[in-house]
Protein backbone atom coordinates (compact mmCIF):
# COMPACT_ATOMS: atom_id res chain seq x y z
CA MET A 1 104.00 159.61 88.00
CA LEU A 2 106.70 157.19 89.17
CA ASN A 3 104.86 156.66 92.45
CA LYS A 4 101.79 155.46 90.52
CA LEU A 5 103.90 153.09 88.46
CA TRP A 6 105.51 151.65 91.54
CA GLY A 7 102.07 151.10 93.01
CA TRP A 8 100.99 149.17 89.93
CA VAL A 9 104.16 147.18 89.96
CA ALA A 10 103.65 146.24 93.62
CA ALA A 11 99.96 145.31 93.00
CA ALA A 12 100.97 143.09 90.06
CA PHE A 13 103.70 141.46 92.10
CA GLY A 14 101.12 140.81 94.92
CA LEU A 15 98.68 139.36 92.36
CA LEU A 16 101.35 137.03 90.98
CA VAL A 17 102.39 135.88 94.49
CA ALA A 18 98.69 135.22 95.40
CA LEU A 19 98.25 133.23 92.07
CA LEU A 20 101.41 131.21 92.81
CA LEU A 21 100.20 130.37 96.28
CA PHE A 22 96.84 129.37 94.92
CA VAL A 23 98.45 127.08 92.20
CA ILE A 24 100.75 125.49 94.83
CA GLY A 25 97.73 124.84 97.07
CA GLN A 26 95.89 123.20 94.26
CA ARG A 27 98.85 121.07 93.41
CA ASN A 28 99.23 119.90 97.02
CA LYS A 29 95.45 119.02 97.06
CA ALA A 30 95.85 117.01 93.82
CA ARG A 31 98.88 115.13 95.24
CA ALA A 32 96.97 114.36 98.48
CA LYS A 33 94.03 113.00 96.35
CA VAL A 34 96.35 110.89 94.18
CA ASP A 35 97.93 109.43 97.35
CA LYS A 36 94.49 108.65 98.82
CA VAL A 37 93.33 106.89 95.61
CA SER A 38 96.56 105.00 95.47
CA ILE A 39 96.19 103.79 98.97
CA GLU A 40 92.56 102.76 98.25
CA LEU A 41 93.68 100.97 95.14
CA GLN A 42 96.40 98.99 97.08
CA ALA A 43 93.78 98.09 99.74
CA ARG A 44 91.31 96.91 97.03
CA GLU A 45 93.97 94.85 95.32
CA ALA A 46 95.08 93.20 98.57
CA MET A 47 91.44 92.31 99.33
CA GLN A 48 91.02 90.83 95.87
CA ASP A 49 94.16 88.80 96.30
CA ALA A 50 92.89 87.48 99.61
CA GLU A 51 89.58 86.58 97.99
CA ARG A 52 91.39 84.81 95.14
CA ALA A 53 93.48 82.81 97.60
CA THR A 54 90.40 81.82 99.58
CA SER A 55 88.57 80.73 96.41
CA LYS A 56 91.61 78.71 95.21
CA ALA A 57 91.87 77.07 98.72
CA ARG A 58 88.10 76.20 98.64
CA GLU A 59 88.44 74.74 95.14
CA GLN A 60 91.44 72.60 96.20
CA ALA A 61 89.51 71.36 99.26
CA ARG A 62 86.50 70.56 97.12
CA SER A 63 88.66 68.60 94.67
CA LYS A 64 90.48 66.73 97.41
CA ALA A 65 87.17 65.89 99.16
CA ALA A 66 85.65 64.65 95.86
CA GLU A 67 88.68 62.54 95.23
CA GLN A 68 88.58 61.00 98.72
CA GLN A 69 84.91 60.33 98.26
CA ARG A 70 85.48 58.74 94.88
CA ASN A 71 88.24 56.45 96.42
CA ALA A 72 85.88 55.58 99.24
CA ASP A 73 83.13 54.68 96.84
CA GLU A 74 85.37 52.52 94.76
CA ARG A 75 86.46 50.34 97.67
CA THR A 76 85.56 46.72 97.47
CA GLU A 77 83.18 45.11 100.03
CA GLU A 78 85.90 43.54 101.99
CA THR A 79 87.95 46.80 102.56
CA ARG A 80 84.93 48.85 103.74
CA PRO A 81 84.48 49.38 107.45
CA THR A 82 81.59 47.61 109.23
CA GLY A 83 78.99 49.08 111.46
CA THR A 84 77.51 52.67 111.17
CA PHE A 85 80.39 53.86 109.01
CA ARG A 86 79.68 51.27 106.31
CA ARG A 87 78.64 52.56 102.88
């Protein structure tokens, strides 16, 4: 009778060890997935920051060009260049 009991105890212990290893494996997979998503998020944010910086630089260039054009258009006739560059 005692031998049967030890067999059941050993089987239960083996089952618990197997479940523990399974849970640890699932945890490691979840951590790996979280790390991957985190890296993708950082890459996406970096790309968006770069796009924002590019858009800001374009807007500044447009406003500067518009201001220069406005200043050029407001020049008097005497200060304008002659020749093909005249406006």
